[in-house]
Amino acid sequence: MSKQQIRHIIEQHSQRDGLTETGIKGVQLFQATSAIPCVPAVYEPCVIAIVSGAKEAVLDGKRYVYDDSRYMCCPMSMPVKAGTPSASPQTPLYGVLIALDARLMAELSLEMESAGNLIPPGGLRAEGIKLAAWDDAFADALLRLLQLGGNPADTAILGEARLRELYYAILKGEAGRFARQAFGAGNAIARSIAHVSSHLDAPISIDDMASRAGMSRAAFHRKFKQVT
């Protein structure tokens, strides 16, 4: 039921193909009614939830197809190929793009760890994208967030709390451990990627990044290449 209501919100507010702002920071609706082949793109930290049709991404030769049964979680900036090859006027694609705020995700990850929801030792796996099954907590939190979009006062007062509720549902869901590894205090590779993304106009060396991560040049180079 929640997915149908989310689709109704998207249909009401999307007048053309592409992204539509919701009035909630970092949350956009989108639709596509024509097929788009996979082309190079960069996914910033985000979750993409599809309620009609299917979308796909290709990372390091691996193809990820997601629809209204699975949402896509990308917790770090990732170079991918992405497209909507099955979209058409008869089978439109409707979805929601939720940017992941690093500060808020890190705060929630640390709070969950402090509450005893600990991540077993080990670094981030060599995987930049994770598909997760829609569950009731995620669907309900997303619907409650989108229902704010039509009222600026509600959005201003309740927006951050409901976004936090959605983030919490993501961190508890099937992609939760994967996302917590990326945003948790121990992930030096994720911090390095964020540092590069925010300093594109400055010279950055592998030695400098390895030093920031507390690794040798060889270890850092290997782990960074695995993740990206």
C-alpha atoms as a PDB file:
ATOM      1  CA  MET A   1       0.000   0.000   0.000  1.00  0.00           C
ATOM      2  CA  SER A   2       2.819   2.439   0.854  1.00  0.00           C
ATOM      3  CA  LYS A   3       4.435   1.951  -2.575  1.00  0.00           C
ATOM      4  CA  GLN A   4       1.176   2.704  -4.362  1.00  0.00           C
ATOM      5  CA  GLN A   5       0.790   5.882  -2.325  1.00  0.00           C
ATOM      6  CA  ILE A   6       4.389   6.865  -3.110  1.00  0.00           C
ATOM      7  CA  ARG A   7       3.734   6.294  -6.816  1.00  0.00           C
ATOM      8  CA  HIS A   8       0.634   8.497  -6.588  1.00  0.00           C
ATOM      9  CA  ILE A   9       2.713  11.312  -5.052  1.00  0.00           C
ATOM     10  CA  ILE A  10       5.282  11.031  -7.869  1.00  0.00           C
ATOM     11  CA  GLU A  11       2.584  11.028 -10.560  1.00  0.00           C
ATOM     12  CA  GLN A  12       0.992  14.112  -8.991  1.00  0.00           C
ATOM     13  CA  HIS A  13       4.197  16.127  -8.847  1.00  0.00           C
ATOM     14  CA  SER A  14       6.245  14.978 -11.876  1.00  0.00           C
ATOM     15  CA  GLN A  15       5.149  16.823 -15.012  1.00  0.00           C
ATOM     16  CA  ARG A  16       7.982  15.621 -17.272  1.00  0.00           C
ATOM     17  CA  ASP A  17      10.854  13.168 -17.437  1.00  0.00           C
ATOM     18  CA  GLY A  18      13.761  13.868 -15.111  1.00  0.00           C
ATOM     19  CA  LEU A  19      14.125  14.992 -11.523  1.00  0.00           C
ATOM     20  CA  THR A  20      11.547  16.985  -9.547  1.00  0.00           C
ATOM     21  CA  GLU A  21      12.340  18.741  -6.270  1.00  0.00           C
ATOM     22  CA  THR A  22      10.180  17.859  -3.270  1.00  0.00           C
ATOM     23  CA  GLY A  23      11.042  20.822  -1.062  1.00  0.00           C
ATOM     24  CA  ILE A  24      12.853  18.378   1.258  1.00  0.00           C
ATOM     25  CA  LYS A  25      16.613  18.831   1.130  1.00  0.00           C
ATOM     26  CA  GLY A  26      18.297  15.986  -0.738  1.00  0.00           C
ATOM     27  CA  VAL A  27      15.047  14.266  -1.753  1.00  0.00           C
ATOM     28  CA  GLN A  28      13.949  14.276  -5.411  1.00  0.00           C
ATOM     29  CA  LEU A  29      11.271  12.466  -7.388  1.00  0.00           C
ATOM     30  CA  PHE A  30      11.949  11.234 -10.898  1.00  0.00           C
ATOM     31  CA  GLN A  31      10.205   9.679 -13.849  1.00  0.00           C
ATOM     32  CA  ALA A  32      11.273   8.279 -17.221  1.00  0.00           C
ATOM     33  CA  THR A  33       8.969   7.368 -20.085  1.00  0.00           C
ATOM     34  CA  SER A  34      11.633   6.540 -22.666  1.00  0.00           C
ATOM     35  CA  ALA A  35      14.417   3.986 -22.694  1.00  0.00           C
ATOM     36  CA  ILE A  36      17.891   5.299 -21.840  1.00  0.00           C
ATOM     37  CA  PRO A  37      20.877   2.969 -22.349  1.00  0.00           C
ATOM     38  CA  CYS A  38      23.499   2.670 -19.635  1.00  0.00           C
ATOM     39  CA  VAL A  39      25.964   5.564 -19.926  1.00  0.00           C
ATOM     40  CA  PRO A  40      28.831   6.708 -17.670  1.00  0.00           C
ATOM     41  CA  ALA A  41      27.743   8.563 -14.545  1.00  0.00           C
ATOM     42  CA  VAL A  42      28.886   9.231 -10.993  1.00  0.00           C
ATOM     43  CA  TYR A  43      26.588   8.200  -8.163  1.00  0.00           C
ATOM     44  CA  GLU A  44      26.992  10.424  -5.147  1.00  0.00           C
ATOM     45  CA  PRO A  45      26.072   8.858  -1.754  1.00  0.00           C
ATOM     46  CA  CYS A  46      22.407   8.036  -2.156  1.00  0.00           C
ATOM     47  CA  VAL A  47      19.549   5.586  -2.018  1.00  0.00           C
ATOM     48  CA  ILE A  48      17.365   5.137  -5.098  1.00  0.00           C
ATOM     49  CA  ALA A  49      13.928   3.587  -4.598  1.00  0.00           C
ATOM     50  CA  ILE A  50      11.838   2.507  -7.590  1.00  0.00           C
ATOM     51  CA  VAL A  51       8.057   2.105  -7.313  1.00  0.00           C
ATOM     52  CA  SER A  52       7.322   1.377 -10.984  1.00  0.00           C
ATOM     53  CA  GLY A  53       9.546  -0.019 -13.728  1.00  0.00           C
ATOM     54  CA  ALA A  54      13.220  -0.889 -13.315  1.00  0.00           C
ATOM     55  CA  LYS A  55      16.564   0.879 -13.329  1.00  0.00           C
ATOM     56  CA  GLU A  56      20.033  -0.563 -13.700  1.00  0.00           C
ATOM     57  CA  ALA A  57      23.624   0.293 -12.913  1.00  0.00           C
ATOM     58  CA  VAL A  58      26.884  -1.369 -13.933  1.00  0.00           C
ATOM     59  CA  LEU A  59      29.900  -1.170 -11.614  1.00  0.00           C
ATOM     60  CA  ASP A  60      33.159  -2.942 -12.394  1.00  0.00           C
ATOM     61  CA  GLY A  61      31.381  -5.220 -14.870  1.00  0.00           C
ATOM     62  CA  LYS A  62      28.662  -6.260 -12.420  1.00  0.00           C
ATOM     63  CA  ARG A  63      25.068  -5.429 -13.382  1.00  0.00           C
ATOM     64  CA  TYR A  64      22.621  -4.299 -10.706  1.00  0.00           C
ATOM     65  CA  VAL A  65      18.933  -4.241 -11.674  1.00  0.00           C
ATOM     66  CA  TYR A  66      16.483  -2.870  -9.127  1.00  0.00           C
ATOM     67  CA  ASP A  67      12.749  -2.285  -9.119  1.00  0.00           C
ATOM     68  CA  ASP A  68       9.914  -2.062  -6.588  1.00  0.00           C
ATOM     69  CA  SER A  69      11.201  -5.146  -4.777  1.00  0.00           C
ATOM     70  CA  ARG A  70      14.721  -3.844  -4.059  1.00  0.00           C
ATOM     71  CA  TYR A  71      16.182  -0.387  -3.558  1.00  0.00           C
ATOM     72  CA  MET A  72      19.751   0.610  -4.345  1.00  0.00           C
ATOM     73  CA  CYS A  73      22.160   1.882  -1.689  1.00  0.00           C
ATOM     74  CA  CYS A  74      25.369   3.636  -2.758  1.00  0.00           C
ATOM     75  CA  PRO A  75      27.093   5.063   0.346  1.00  0.00           C
ATOM     76  CA  MET A  76      30.139   6.540  -1.434  1.00  0.00           C
ATOM     77  CA  SER A  77      30.829   8.411  -4.673  1.00  0.00           C
ATOM     78  CA  MET A  78      31.029   5.710  -7.343  1.00  0.00           C
ATOM     79  CA  PRO A  79      31.745   5.801 -11.112  1.00  0.00           C
ATOM     80  CA  VAL A  80      29.077   3.665 -12.784  1.00  0.00           C
ATOM     81  CA  LYS A  81      27.141   3.185 -15.987  1.00  0.00           C
ATOM     82  CA  ALA A  82      23.440   3.777 -15.375  1.00  0.00           C
ATOM     83  CA  GLY A  83      20.269   3.766 -17.432  1.00  0.00           C
ATOM     84  CA  THR A  84      16.585   2.955 -17.754  1.00  0.00           C
ATOM     85  CA  PRO A  85      16.565   0.541 -20.725  1.00  0.00           C
ATOM     86  CA  SER A  86      13.032  -0.766 -20.120  1.00  0.00           C
ATOM     87  CA  ALA A  87      11.193   2.551 -19.618  1.00  0.00           C
ATOM     88  CA  SER A  88       8.437   3.498 -22.077  1.00  0.00           C
ATOM     89  CA  PRO A  89       5.163   5.477 -22.093  1.00  0.00           C
ATOM     90  CA  GLN A  90       3.350   2.196 -21.435  1.00  0.00           C
ATOM     91  CA  THR A  91       5.765   1.115 -18.665  1.00  0.00           C
ATOM     92  CA  PRO A  92       7.007   4.369 -17.066  1.00  0.00           C
ATOM     93  CA  LEU A  93       9.717   4.443 -14.443  1.00  0.00           C
ATOM     94  CA  TYR A  94       8.864   6.222 -11.187  1.00  0.00           C
ATOM     95  CA  GLY A  95      11.258   6.570  -8.303  1.00  0.00           C
ATOM     96  CA  VAL A  96      12.752   8.595  -5.482  1.00  0.00           C
ATOM     97  CA  LEU A  97      16.370   9.722  -5.090  1.00  0.00           C
ATOM     98  CA  ILE A  98      17.464  10.258  -1.481  1.00  0.00           C
ATOM     99  CA  ALA A  99      20.870  11.857  -0.980  1.00  0.00           C
ATOM    100  CA  LEU A 100      22.683  10.458   2.057  1.00  0.00           C
ATOM    101  CA  ASP A 101      23.971  13.194   4.347  1.00  0.00           C
ATOM    102  CA  ALA A 102      27.327  11.990   5.649  1.00  0.00           C
ATOM    103  CA  ARG A 103      27.040  13.821   8.981  1.00  0.00           C
ATOM    104  CA  LEU A 104      23.603  12.452   9.819  1.00  0.00           C
ATOM    105  CA  MET A 105      24.412   8.932   8.613  1.00  0.00           C
ATOM    106  CA  ALA A 106      27.616   8.932  10.666  1.00  0.00           C
ATOM    107  CA  GLU A 107      25.777  10.172  13.764  1.00  0.00           C
ATOM    108  CA  LEU A 108      23.149   7.438  13.461  1.00  0.00           C
ATOM    109  CA  SER A 109      25.785   4.770  12.775  1.00  0.00           C
ATOM    110  CA  LEU A 110      27.695   5.753  15.900  1.00  0.00           C
ATOM    111  CA  GLU A 111      24.509   5.869  17.986  1.00  0.00           C
ATOM    112  CA  MET A 112      23.581   2.382  16.777  1.00  0.00           C
ATOM    113  CA  GLU A 113      27.056   1.093  17.626  1.00  0.00           C
ATOM    114  CA  SER A 114      26.829   2.697  21.080  1.00  0.00           C
ATOM    115  CA  ALA A 115      23.460   1.024  21.578  1.00  0.00           C
ATOM    116  CA  GLY A 116      25.074  -2.364  20.985  1.00  0.00           C
ATOM    117  CA  ASN A 117      24.390  -2.808  17.280  1.00  0.00           C
ATOM    118  CA  LEU A 118      28.069  -3.404  16.520  1.00  0.00           C
ATOM    119  CA  ILE A 119      29.734  -4.204  13.205  1.00  0.00           C
ATOM    120  CA  PRO A 120      32.093  -7.221  13.286  1.00  0.00           C
ATOM    121  CA  PRO A 121      35.773  -6.339  12.739  1.00  0.00           C
ATOM    122  CA  GLY A 122      36.880  -5.910   9.146  1.00  0.00           C
ATOM    123  CA  GLY A 123      37.067  -3.246   6.463  1.00  0.00           C
ATOM    124  CA  LEU A 124      34.641  -2.336   3.745  1.00  0.00           C
ATOM    125  CA  ARG A 125      34.026  -5.155   1.326  1.00  0.00           C
ATOM    126  CA  ALA A 126      35.011  -4.721  -2.339  1.00  0.00           C
ATOM    127  CA  GLU A 127      31.520  -3.626  -3.301  1.00  0.00           C
ATOM    128  CA  GLY A 128      30.375  -0.087  -3.977  1.00  0.00           C
ATOM    129  CA  ILE A 129      26.651  -0.746  -4.458  1.00  0.00           C
ATOM    130  CA  LYS A 130      24.214  -2.856  -2.461  1.00  0.00           C
ATOM    131  CA  LEU A 131      20.644  -3.822  -3.317  1.00  0.00           C
ATOM    132  CA  ALA A 132      18.271  -4.227  -0.389  1.00  0.00           C
ATOM    133  CA  ALA A 133      14.771  -5.625  -0.138  1.00  0.00           C
ATOM    134  CA  TRP A 134      12.021  -3.100   0.557  1.00  0.00           C
ATOM    135  CA  ASP A 135      10.715  -3.709   4.044  1.00  0.00           C
ATOM    136  CA  ASP A 136       7.774  -2.162   5.847  1.00  0.00           C
ATOM    137  CA  ALA A 137       9.958   0.177   7.917  1.00  0.00           C
ATOM    138  CA  PHE A 138      11.637   1.625   4.814  1.00  0.00           C
ATOM    139  CA  ALA A 139       8.394   1.953   2.821  1.00  0.00           C
ATOM    140  CA  ASP A 140       6.489   3.571   5.695  1.00  0.00           C
ATOM    141  CA  ALA A 141       9.312   6.001   6.534  1.00  0.00           C
ATOM    142  CA  LEU A 142       9.690   7.022   2.875  1.00  0.00           C
ATOM    143  CA  LEU A 143       5.953   7.627   2.514  1.00  0.00           C
ATOM    144  CA  ARG A 144       5.821   9.684   5.726  1.00  0.00           C
ATOM    145  CA  LEU A 145       8.723  11.805   4.462  1.00  0.00           C
ATOM    146  CA  LEU A 146       7.209  12.423   1.020  1.00  0.00           C
ATOM    147  CA  GLN A 147       3.843  13.356   2.527  1.00  0.00           C
ATOM    148  CA  LEU A 148       5.540  16.462   3.958  1.00  0.00           C
ATOM    149  CA  GLY A 149       6.463  17.812   0.525  1.00  0.00           C
ATOM    150  CA  GLY A 150       3.224  19.651  -0.106  1.00  0.00           C
ATOM    151  CA  ASN A 151       3.371  21.697   3.092  1.00  0.00           C
ATOM    152  CA  PRO A 152       6.358  24.041   3.636  1.00  0.00           C
ATOM    153  CA  ALA A 153       5.617  24.473   7.342  1.00  0.00           C
ATOM    154  CA  ASP A 154       5.426  20.715   7.956  1.00  0.00           C
ATOM    155  CA  THR A 155       8.616  20.238   5.932  1.00  0.00           C
ATOM    156  CA  ALA A 156      10.496  22.898   7.901  1.00  0.00           C
ATOM    157  CA  ILE A 157       9.389  21.528  11.276  1.00  0.00           C
ATOM    158  CA  LEU A 158       9.297  17.766  10.678  1.00  0.00           C
ATOM    159  CA  GLY A 159      11.558  17.256   7.658  1.00  0.00           C
ATOM    160  CA  GLU A 160      14.819  16.478   9.447  1.00  0.00           C
ATOM    161  CA  ALA A 161      13.126  14.149  11.939  1.00  0.00           C
ATOM    162  CA  ARG A 162      11.431  12.128   9.194  1.00  0.00           C
ATOM    163  CA  LEU A 163      14.601  12.043   7.104  1.00  0.00           C
ATOM    164  CA  ARG A 164      16.392  10.721  10.170  1.00  0.00           C
ATOM    165  CA  GLU A 165      13.656   8.066  10.512  1.00  0.00           C
ATOM    166  CA  LEU A 166      14.239   7.014   6.893  1.00  0.00           C
ATOM    167  CA  TYR A 167      18.017   6.872   7.372  1.00  0.00           C
ATOM    168  CA  TYR A 168      17.483   4.714  10.444  1.00  0.00           C
ATOM    169  CA  ALA A 169      15.284   2.343   8.426  1.00  0.00           C
ATOM    170  CA  ILE A 170      18.051   2.088   5.805  1.00  0.00           C
ATOM    171  CA  LEU A 171      20.714   1.410   8.454  1.00  0.00           C
ATOM    172  CA  LYS A 172      18.531  -1.307  10.022  1.00  0.00           C
ATOM    173  CA  GLY A 173      17.597  -2.865   6.674  1.00  0.00           C
ATOM    174  CA  GLU A 174      19.298  -5.368   4.412  1.00  0.00           C
ATOM    175  CA  ALA A 175      21.897  -2.808   3.282  1.00  0.00           C
ATOM    176  CA  GLY A 176      22.376  -1.531   6.829  1.00  0.00           C
ATOM    177  CA  ARG A 177      25.621  -3.238   7.703  1.00  0.00           C
ATOM    178  CA  PHE A 178      27.076  -2.204   4.335  1.00  0.00           C
ATOM    179  CA  ALA A 179      26.035   1.423   4.872  1.00  0.00           C
ATOM    180  CA  ARG A 180      27.219   1.487   8.504  1.00  0.00           C
ATOM    181  CA  GLN A 181      30.636   0.256   7.403  1.00  0.00           C
ATOM    182  CA  ALA A 182      30.831   3.191   4.982  1.00  0.00           C
ATOM    183  CA  PHE A 183      29.661   5.877   7.415  1.00  0.00           C
ATOM    184  CA  GLY A 184      31.049   4.437  10.636  1.00  0.00           C
ATOM    185  CA  ALA A 185      34.059   5.969  12.322  1.00  0.00           C
ATOM    186  CA  GLY A 186      36.412   3.189  11.199  1.00  0.00           C
ATOM    187  CA  ASN A 187      36.111   3.495   7.422  1.00  0.00           C
ATOM    188  CA  ALA A 188      39.187   5.345   6.242  1.00  0.00           C
ATOM    189  CA  ILE A 189      38.554   4.598   2.562  1.00  0.00           C
ATOM    190  CA  ALA A 190      35.123   6.260   2.650  1.00  0.00           C
ATOM    191  CA  ARG A 191      36.659   9.301   4.336  1.00  0.00           C
ATOM    192  CA  SER A 192      39.372   9.413   1.672  1.00  0.00           C
ATOM    193  CA  ILE A 193      36.802   9.362  -1.130  1.00  0.00           C
ATOM    194  CA  ALA A 194      34.874  12.161   0.561  1.00  0.00           C
ATOM    195  CA  HIS A 195      38.117  14.160   0.909  1.00  0.00           C
ATOM    196  CA  VAL A 196      38.919  13.780  -2.790  1.00  0.00           C
ATOM    197  CA  SER A 197      35.350  14.720  -3.795  1.00  0.00           C
ATOM    198  CA  SER A 198      35.496  17.931  -1.766  1.00  0.00           C
ATOM    199  CA  HIS A 199      39.016  18.940  -2.909  1.00  0.00           C
ATOM    200  CA  LEU A 200      38.854  18.443  -6.682  1.00  0.00           C
ATOM    201  CA  ASP A 201      40.582  21.793  -7.246  1.00  0.00           C
ATOM    202  CA  ALA A 202      43.641  20.912  -5.131  1.00  0.00           C
ATOM    203  CA  PRO A 203      46.586  18.570  -5.780  1.00  0.00           C
ATOM    204  CA  ILE A 204      46.199  15.314  -3.825  1.00  0.00           C
ATOM    205  CA  SER A 205      48.783  12.546  -3.686  1.00  0.00           C
ATOM    206  CA  ILE A 206      48.391   8.865  -2.861  1.00  0.00           C
ATOM    207  CA  ASP A 207      50.989   9.285  -0.120  1.00  0.00           C
ATOM    208  CA  ASP A 208      48.916  12.066   1.477  1.00  0.00           C
ATOM    209  CA  MET A 209      45.714  10.007   1.353  1.00  0.00           C
ATOM    210  CA  ALA A 210      47.488   6.927   2.695  1.00  0.00           C
ATOM    211  CA  SER A 211      48.821   8.983   5.579  1.00  0.00           C
ATOM    212  CA  ARG A 212      45.344  10.330   6.359  1.00  0.00           C
ATOM    213  CA  ALA A 213      44.000   6.777   6.342  1.00  0.00           C
ATOM    214  CA  GLY A 214      46.802   5.468   8.559  1.00  0.00           C
ATOM    215  CA  MET A 215      47.930   2.920   5.941  1.00  0.00           C
ATOM    216  CA  SER A 216      51.012   2.211   3.924  1.00  0.00           C
ATOM    217  CA  ARG A 217      50.957   3.432   0.311  1.00  0.00           C
ATOM    218  CA  ALA A 218      50.670  -0.138  -1.001  1.00  0.00           C
ATOM    219  CA  ALA A 219      47.838  -1.130   1.360  1.00  0.00           C
ATOM    220  CA  PHE A 220      45.929   2.071   0.694  1.00  0.00           C
ATOM    221  CA  HIS A 221      46.305   1.728  -3.085  1.00  0.00           C
ATOM    222  CA  ARG A 222      45.023  -1.858  -2.965  1.00  0.00           C
ATOM    223  CA  LYS A 223      42.017  -1.132  -0.733  1.00  0.00           C
ATOM    224  CA  PHE A 224      41.063   2.063  -2.573  1.00  0.00           C
ATOM    225  CA  LYS A 225      41.133   0.254  -5.915  1.00  0.00           C
ATOM    226  CA  GLN A 226      39.031  -2.605  -4.505  1.00  0.00           C
ATOM    227  CA  VAL A 227      36.302  -0.261  -3.348  1.00  0.00           C
ATOM    228  CA  THR A 228      36.221   2.107  -6.354  1.00  0.00           C
END
